[in-house]
Amino acid sequence: MFCNQHTLAAAHSFQGKGLHTGVYTKMTVRPAPAGTGIRFHRTDLGENAFVDALAENVSNTARSTTISSGEVSVATVEHLLSALTGMGVDNALVEVDNLEVPILDGSARFYVEAFREDGLVDQGVPRKYLTLPRPVEIKDEKSGSWVRIEPADTPSYEVTVDFNSRVLGIQKANWEDGINYADEIGVCRTFVFFHEIEFLFKNNLIKGGDVDNAIVIVEYPVKPEQLDELSRLFGHEELQIVGNGYLNNLHLYFDNECGRHKLLDLIGDMRLSGGWLNARITAYKPGHTINTQAAKALRQLLK
């Protein structure tokens, strides 16, 4: 881990549709001065339309994390925040010209590849590490989910994912010093269960979803007409289920890729705590709601 703050050596531009809104967004991630943190600028809303990536600005956690300040909102920020954290970026200005960050391939791969190619700049100012006076734990009694944050000398993350799924089983993943974020975590894609898709579409979510930006897990027998309807929704010519329970001829990067993606999300959501955590973070069945609740609780404790 770095001792000093770092920013990007160059600006990097990305574009594509948002996973939930389906809107097309152009986004540029720029270097920023020491002490800035991660700040978003909605360029389509004017020169003063900013929102900081902080837990108190979380406004929605329905299948992604949205941050807002007044009328300014930016949705699905977690993958970019995870990439910036995993690659060691303290300060960045993110310019977006629409509501939602582009989903790209459903992972943080394109971000980490760009950041790694041009590298970072040492800003000569000590990094802001957050040290806890005592452990913090957030639980959801209904789902059984929890996130525990304990004081430690160096940051580390560990997740256990259990959807009661015959396809996924129980998956674990971790990140600590010595594990290459870019190659081991950043490439891992988001996922959805086939039986959830109709509900999500009806609730104005995953409008930009398709088999190119999400792993689709098939738990139950599917009728041909269901595949035809999904093909129509996704705008995909032909969909099929392969023998291992995934839609289309999918190659997993890791046996526990879905667990690693939940770890990717947790890293991004916990960045909303406002800096680098000198903490051991463990989570069982994490999701954006409980992740961001933990980040909020942490910021309250540190005040």
Protein backbone atom coordinates (compact mmCIF):
# COMPACT_ATOMS: atom_id res chain seq x y z
CA MET A 1 0.00 0.00 0.00
CA PHE A 2 1.13 3.55 -0.76
CA CYS A 3 2.07 5.97 2.02
CA ASN A 4 1.28 9.07 -0.05
CA GLN A 5 -1.81 10.13 -1.97
CA HIS A 6 -1.90 9.30 -5.68
CA THR A 7 -3.90 10.48 -8.65
CA LEU A 8 -4.07 9.38 -12.26
CA ALA A 9 -1.21 10.26 -14.60
CA ALA A 10 -3.68 10.98 -17.43
CA ALA A 11 -7.39 11.37 -18.12
CA HIS A 12 -9.29 8.31 -19.34
CA SER A 13 -12.59 8.31 -21.24
CA PHE A 14 -15.24 5.58 -21.36
CA GLN A 15 -18.67 5.36 -22.93
CA GLY A 16 -21.59 2.97 -23.07
CA LYS A 17 -25.07 2.28 -21.76
CA GLY A 18 -26.07 2.19 -18.13
CA LEU A 19 -27.04 -1.22 -16.74
CA HIS A 20 -30.32 -0.11 -15.18
CA THR A 21 -31.38 2.98 -17.13
CA GLY A 22 -30.13 1.86 -20.54
CA VAL A 23 -29.08 5.48 -21.19
CA TYR A 24 -25.88 6.12 -23.14
CA THR A 25 -23.23 7.95 -21.12
CA LYS A 26 -19.84 9.44 -21.90
CA MET A 27 -17.53 9.56 -18.89
CA THR A 28 -14.02 10.89 -18.32
CA VAL A 29 -11.99 10.14 -15.20
CA ARG A 30 -9.46 12.92 -14.62
CA PRO A 31 -6.55 13.56 -12.23
CA ALA A 32 -7.46 15.70 -9.21
CA PRO A 33 -5.49 17.63 -6.55
CA ALA A 34 -4.47 16.01 -3.28
CA GLY A 35 -7.29 16.00 -0.75
CA THR A 36 -10.06 15.94 -3.37
CA GLY A 37 -11.14 12.34 -2.85
CA ILE A 38 -13.46 10.99 -5.53
CA ARG A 39 -15.80 13.61 -6.93
CA PHE A 40 -18.42 13.29 -9.67
CA HIS A 41 -19.46 16.11 -12.00
CA ARG A 42 -22.69 15.84 -13.99
CA THR A 43 -21.56 17.92 -16.95
CA ASP A 44 -25.05 17.79 -18.49
CA LEU A 45 -26.46 19.64 -15.47
CA GLY A 46 -24.06 22.59 -15.46
CA GLU A 47 -20.65 23.61 -14.22
CA ASN A 48 -21.60 23.40 -10.52
CA ALA A 49 -23.33 19.99 -10.54
CA PHE A 50 -21.05 17.99 -8.23
CA VAL A 51 -21.54 15.11 -5.81
CA ASP A 52 -18.83 13.61 -3.61
CA ALA A 53 -18.42 9.85 -3.25
CA LEU A 54 -19.33 9.73 0.46
CA ALA A 55 -21.73 7.46 2.31
CA GLU A 56 -24.01 10.27 3.49
CA ASN A 57 -24.75 10.99 -0.20
CA VAL A 58 -26.11 7.50 -0.92
CA SER A 59 -29.69 7.89 -2.15
CA ASN A 60 -30.58 4.50 -3.64
CA THR A 61 -29.27 0.95 -3.35
CA ALA A 62 -31.69 -0.98 -5.59
CA ARG A 63 -29.30 -3.41 -7.32
CA SER A 64 -26.60 -0.72 -7.50
CA THR A 65 -25.36 2.31 -5.57
CA THR A 66 -26.57 5.81 -6.40
CA ILE A 67 -25.15 8.97 -4.81
CA SER A 68 -26.93 12.34 -4.82
CA SER A 69 -26.47 15.93 -3.74
CA GLY A 70 -29.58 18.05 -4.22
CA GLU A 71 -30.75 17.47 -7.79
CA VAL A 72 -27.45 15.91 -8.84
CA SER A 73 -27.40 12.11 -8.93
CA VAL A 74 -25.01 9.52 -10.34
CA ALA A 75 -26.03 5.86 -10.42
CA THR A 76 -24.06 2.60 -10.40
CA VAL A 77 -20.85 4.13 -9.08
CA GLU A 78 -19.60 1.00 -7.28
CA HIS A 79 -17.50 -0.60 -10.05
CA LEU A 80 -15.58 2.61 -10.77
CA LEU A 81 -15.05 3.30 -7.05
CA SER A 82 -13.80 -0.25 -6.63
CA ALA A 83 -11.35 0.12 -9.52
CA LEU A 84 -10.00 3.43 -8.18
CA THR A 85 -9.52 1.83 -4.76
CA GLY A 86 -8.01 -1.38 -6.08
CA MET A 87 -5.53 0.52 -8.24
CA GLY A 88 -4.52 2.89 -5.42
CA VAL A 89 -6.12 6.15 -6.62
CA ASP A 90 -6.86 8.65 -3.85
CA ASN A 91 -8.07 11.60 -5.89
CA ALA A 92 -10.06 11.76 -9.13
CA LEU A 93 -12.67 13.91 -10.82
CA VAL A 94 -15.26 11.88 -12.72
CA GLU A 95 -17.16 13.75 -15.43
CA VAL A 96 -20.38 12.09 -16.63
CA ASP A 97 -22.92 13.49 -19.08
CA ASN A 98 -25.90 11.41 -17.95
CA LEU A 99 -27.47 9.74 -14.92
CA GLU A 100 -25.67 6.39 -14.86
CA VAL A 101 -22.05 5.27 -15.13
CA PRO A 102 -21.64 2.96 -18.17
CA ILE A 103 -21.69 -0.73 -17.29
CA LEU A 104 -19.17 -1.73 -20.00
CA ASP A 105 -18.65 -5.51 -19.62
CA GLY A 106 -20.15 -5.66 -16.12
CA SER A 107 -16.79 -5.60 -14.32
CA ALA A 108 -14.05 -3.05 -13.58
CA ARG A 109 -11.72 -4.50 -16.24
CA PHE A 110 -11.69 -1.56 -18.66
CA TYR A 111 -10.99 0.86 -15.82
CA VAL A 112 -8.09 -1.05 -14.36
CA GLU A 113 -6.54 -1.66 -17.78
CA ALA A 114 -6.61 2.05 -18.55
CA PHE A 115 -5.31 3.13 -15.13
CA ARG A 116 -2.55 0.53 -15.20
CA GLU A 117 -1.36 1.50 -18.69
CA ASP A 118 -0.68 5.16 -17.88
CA GLY A 119 0.06 4.71 -14.18
CA LEU A 120 -0.33 7.06 -11.24
CA VAL A 121 1.34 10.18 -9.88
CA ASP A 122 2.65 10.44 -6.31
CA GLN A 123 1.21 13.70 -4.92
CA GLY A 124 3.66 14.01 -2.03
CA VAL A 125 0.93 14.27 0.61
CA PRO A 126 0.30 11.53 3.21
CA ARG A 127 -2.57 9.20 2.39
CA LYS A 128 -5.69 9.51 4.52
CA TYR A 129 -5.99 6.23 6.44
CA LEU A 130 -9.07 5.75 8.58
CA THR A 131 -8.38 4.07 11.93
CA LEU A 132 -11.30 2.74 13.94
CA PRO A 133 -11.51 3.18 17.73
CA ARG A 134 -13.57 -0.02 17.99
CA PRO A 135 -15.24 -2.66 15.78
CA VAL A 136 -18.44 -1.91 13.85
CA GLU A 137 -21.00 -4.50 12.78
CA ILE A 138 -24.16 -4.04 10.74
CA LYS A 139 -26.71 -6.87 10.53
CA ASP A 140 -29.89 -7.49 8.57
CA GLU A 141 -31.94 -9.90 10.67
CA LYS A 142 -34.35 -10.65 7.82
CA SER A 143 -31.75 -11.70 5.24
CA GLY A 144 -29.05 -12.85 7.65
CA SER A 145 -26.52 -10.54 5.96
CA TRP A 146 -23.84 -8.78 7.96
CA VAL A 147 -20.74 -6.63 7.50
CA ARG A 148 -18.13 -6.48 10.25
CA ILE A 149 -15.33 -3.89 10.34
CA GLU A 150 -12.51 -4.43 12.84
CA PRO A 151 -9.38 -2.33 13.51
CA ALA A 152 -6.26 -3.72 11.83
CA ASP A 153 -2.80 -2.61 10.75
CA THR A 154 -3.57 -2.99 7.03
CA PRO A 155 -6.78 -3.14 4.96
CA SER A 156 -8.25 -6.53 4.07
CA TYR A 157 -11.59 -7.77 2.75
CA GLU A 158 -13.29 -11.16 2.85
CA VAL A 159 -16.77 -12.11 1.64
CA THR A 160 -18.94 -15.20 1.82
CA VAL A 161 -21.74 -15.39 -0.75
CA ASP A 162 -24.70 -17.74 -0.33
CA PHE A 163 -27.80 -17.45 -2.54
CA ASN A 164 -28.98 -20.98 -1.73
CA SER A 165 -28.09 -21.69 -5.35
CA ARG A 166 -27.40 -25.14 -6.78
CA VAL A 167 -25.30 -23.48 -9.51
CA LEU A 168 -23.20 -21.12 -7.38
CA GLY A 169 -23.06 -23.00 -4.10
CA ILE A 170 -21.32 -21.05 -1.33
CA GLN A 171 -18.49 -18.87 -2.62
CA LYS A 172 -15.73 -17.06 -0.74
CA ALA A 173 -13.32 -14.37 -1.94
CA ASN A 174 -10.76 -12.09 -0.33
CA TRP A 175 -8.47 -9.16 -1.07
CA GLU A 176 -5.46 -8.04 0.94
CA ASP A 177 -1.96 -6.75 0.40
CA GLY A 178 -0.21 -9.06 -2.06
CA ILE A 179 -3.33 -9.97 -4.10
CA ASN A 180 -3.39 -8.32 -7.52
CA TYR A 181 -6.70 -6.46 -7.70
CA ALA A 182 -6.57 -5.86 -11.46
CA ASP A 183 -6.14 -9.52 -12.41
CA GLU A 184 -7.87 -11.29 -9.54
CA ILE A 185 -10.90 -9.09 -8.79
CA GLY A 186 -11.30 -6.24 -11.27
CA VAL A 187 -12.12 -8.55 -14.19
CA CYS A 188 -15.02 -10.29 -12.41
CA ARG A 189 -18.44 -9.54 -13.90
CA THR A 190 -21.80 -8.77 -12.37
CA PHE A 191 -24.46 -11.47 -12.40
CA VAL A 192 -28.19 -12.00 -12.25
CA PHE A 193 -30.47 -15.02 -11.83
CA PHE A 194 -32.68 -15.88 -14.79
CA HIS A 195 -35.80 -16.03 -12.60
CA GLU A 196 -35.19 -12.41 -11.44
CA ILE A 197 -35.00 -10.84 -14.88
CA GLU A 198 -38.71 -10.35 -15.59
CA PHE A 199 -39.23 -8.73 -12.17
CA LEU A 200 -36.24 -6.41 -12.68
CA PHE A 201 -37.44 -5.27 -16.10
CA LYS A 202 -40.93 -4.60 -14.73
CA ASN A 203 -39.38 -2.45 -11.98
CA ASN A 204 -37.40 -0.30 -14.43
CA LEU A 205 -34.07 -2.00 -13.69
CA ILE A 206 -31.48 -3.66 -15.99
CA LYS A 207 -32.83 -1.83 -19.06
CA GLY A 208 -29.27 -1.90 -20.35
CA GLY A 209 -28.61 -5.50 -19.33
CA ASP A 210 -27.62 -8.22 -21.76
CA VAL A 211 -25.51 -11.35 -21.91
CA ASP A 212 -22.47 -9.24 -22.83
CA ASN A 213 -22.41 -7.34 -19.53
CA ALA A 214 -23.79 -9.82 -17.00
CA ILE A 215 -23.49 -13.46 -16.09
CA VAL A 216 -27.00 -14.99 -16.20
CA ILE A 217 -27.47 -17.95 -13.84
CA VAL A 218 -30.20 -20.47 -14.60
CA GLU A 219 -31.44 -22.37 -11.54
CA TYR A 220 -34.63 -23.96 -12.85
CA PRO A 221 -35.90 -25.54 -16.11
CA VAL A 222 -36.68 -22.86 -18.68
CA LYS A 223 -39.32 -23.08 -21.40
CA PRO A 224 -38.41 -22.17 -25.02
CA GLU A 225 -40.88 -19.27 -24.97
CA GLN A 226 -39.11 -17.83 -21.91
CA LEU A 227 -35.83 -17.82 -23.81
CA ASP A 228 -37.56 -16.19 -26.78
CA GLU A 229 -38.93 -13.44 -24.53
CA LEU A 230 -35.53 -12.88 -22.96
CA SER A 231 -33.94 -12.73 -26.41
CA ARG A 232 -36.42 -9.98 -27.27
CA LEU A 233 -35.72 -8.04 -24.07
CA PHE A 234 -31.94 -8.35 -24.49
CA GLY A 235 -32.04 -7.73 -28.24
CA HIS A 236 -30.01 -10.90 -28.68
CA GLU A 237 -30.55 -13.17 -31.69
CA GLU A 238 -30.17 -16.53 -29.96
CA LEU A 239 -29.93 -17.54 -26.31
CA GLN A 240 -29.25 -20.99 -24.97
CA ILE A 241 -28.47 -22.64 -21.64
CA VAL A 242 -25.21 -24.50 -21.30
CA GLY A 243 -24.96 -27.57 -19.09
CA ASN A 244 -23.40 -25.87 -16.08
CA GLY A 245 -26.38 -23.60 -15.44
CA TYR A 246 -25.30 -20.41 -17.23
CA LEU A 247 -26.95 -18.67 -20.15
CA ASN A 248 -25.09 -18.98 -23.47
CA ASN A 249 -21.59 -20.37 -23.98
CA LEU A 250 -20.11 -18.58 -20.99
CA HIS A 251 -16.49 -18.89 -19.93
CA LEU A 252 -16.00 -18.07 -16.25
CA TYR A 253 -12.72 -16.37 -15.37
CA PHE A 254 -12.76 -18.08 -11.97
CA ASP A 255 -14.90 -20.81 -10.41
CA ASN A 256 -15.93 -18.22 -7.82
CA GLU A 257 -16.24 -15.27 -10.21
CA CYS A 258 -19.63 -14.28 -8.79
CA GLY A 259 -18.21 -14.28 -5.25
CA ARG A 260 -15.29 -12.18 -6.44
CA HIS A 261 -17.70 -9.72 -8.03
CA LYS A 262 -19.50 -9.32 -4.72
CA LEU A 263 -16.08 -8.55 -3.24
CA LEU A 264 -15.53 -5.98 -6.02
CA ASP A 265 -18.84 -4.34 -5.09
CA LEU A 266 -18.00 -4.32 -1.38
CA ILE A 267 -14.65 -2.61 -2.03
CA GLY A 268 -16.41 0.05 -4.11
CA ASP A 269 -19.20 0.65 -1.61
CA MET A 270 -16.80 0.83 1.34
CA ARG A 271 -14.80 3.53 -0.50
CA LEU A 272 -17.75 5.73 0.41
CA SER A 273 -16.29 5.80 3.91
CA GLY A 274 -14.02 8.54 2.55
CA GLY A 275 -10.55 7.00 2.51
CA TRP A 276 -8.45 3.91 3.06
CA LEU A 277 -9.52 1.75 5.97
CA ASN A 278 -6.97 0.35 8.39
CA ALA A 279 -9.44 -2.42 9.03
CA ARG A 280 -10.34 -6.03 8.45
CA ILE A 281 -13.69 -6.10 6.67
CA THR A 282 -15.63 -9.36 6.58
CA ALA A 283 -19.08 -9.77 5.08
CA TYR A 284 -21.67 -12.51 4.79
CA LYS A 285 -24.18 -12.21 1.93
CA PRO A 286 -23.18 -8.60 1.21
CA GLY A 287 -25.23 -6.27 -0.97
CA HIS A 288 -25.32 -2.57 -1.74
CA THR A 289 -27.79 -1.72 1.02
CA ILE A 290 -25.90 -3.31 3.89
CA ASN A 291 -22.52 -2.30 2.41
CA THR A 292 -23.45 1.37 2.32
CA GLN A 293 -25.10 1.17 5.75
CA ALA A 294 -21.75 -0.07 7.06
CA ALA A 295 -19.93 2.80 5.35
CA LYS A 296 -22.40 5.28 6.89
CA ALA A 297 -21.98 3.77 10.34
CA LEU A 298 -18.23 3.98 9.96
CA ARG A 299 -18.34 7.66 9.03
CA GLN A 300 -20.59 8.37 12.02
CA LEU A 301 -18.16 6.57 14.31
CA LEU A 302 -15.17 8.47 12.94
CA LYS A 303 -16.90 11.83 13.47
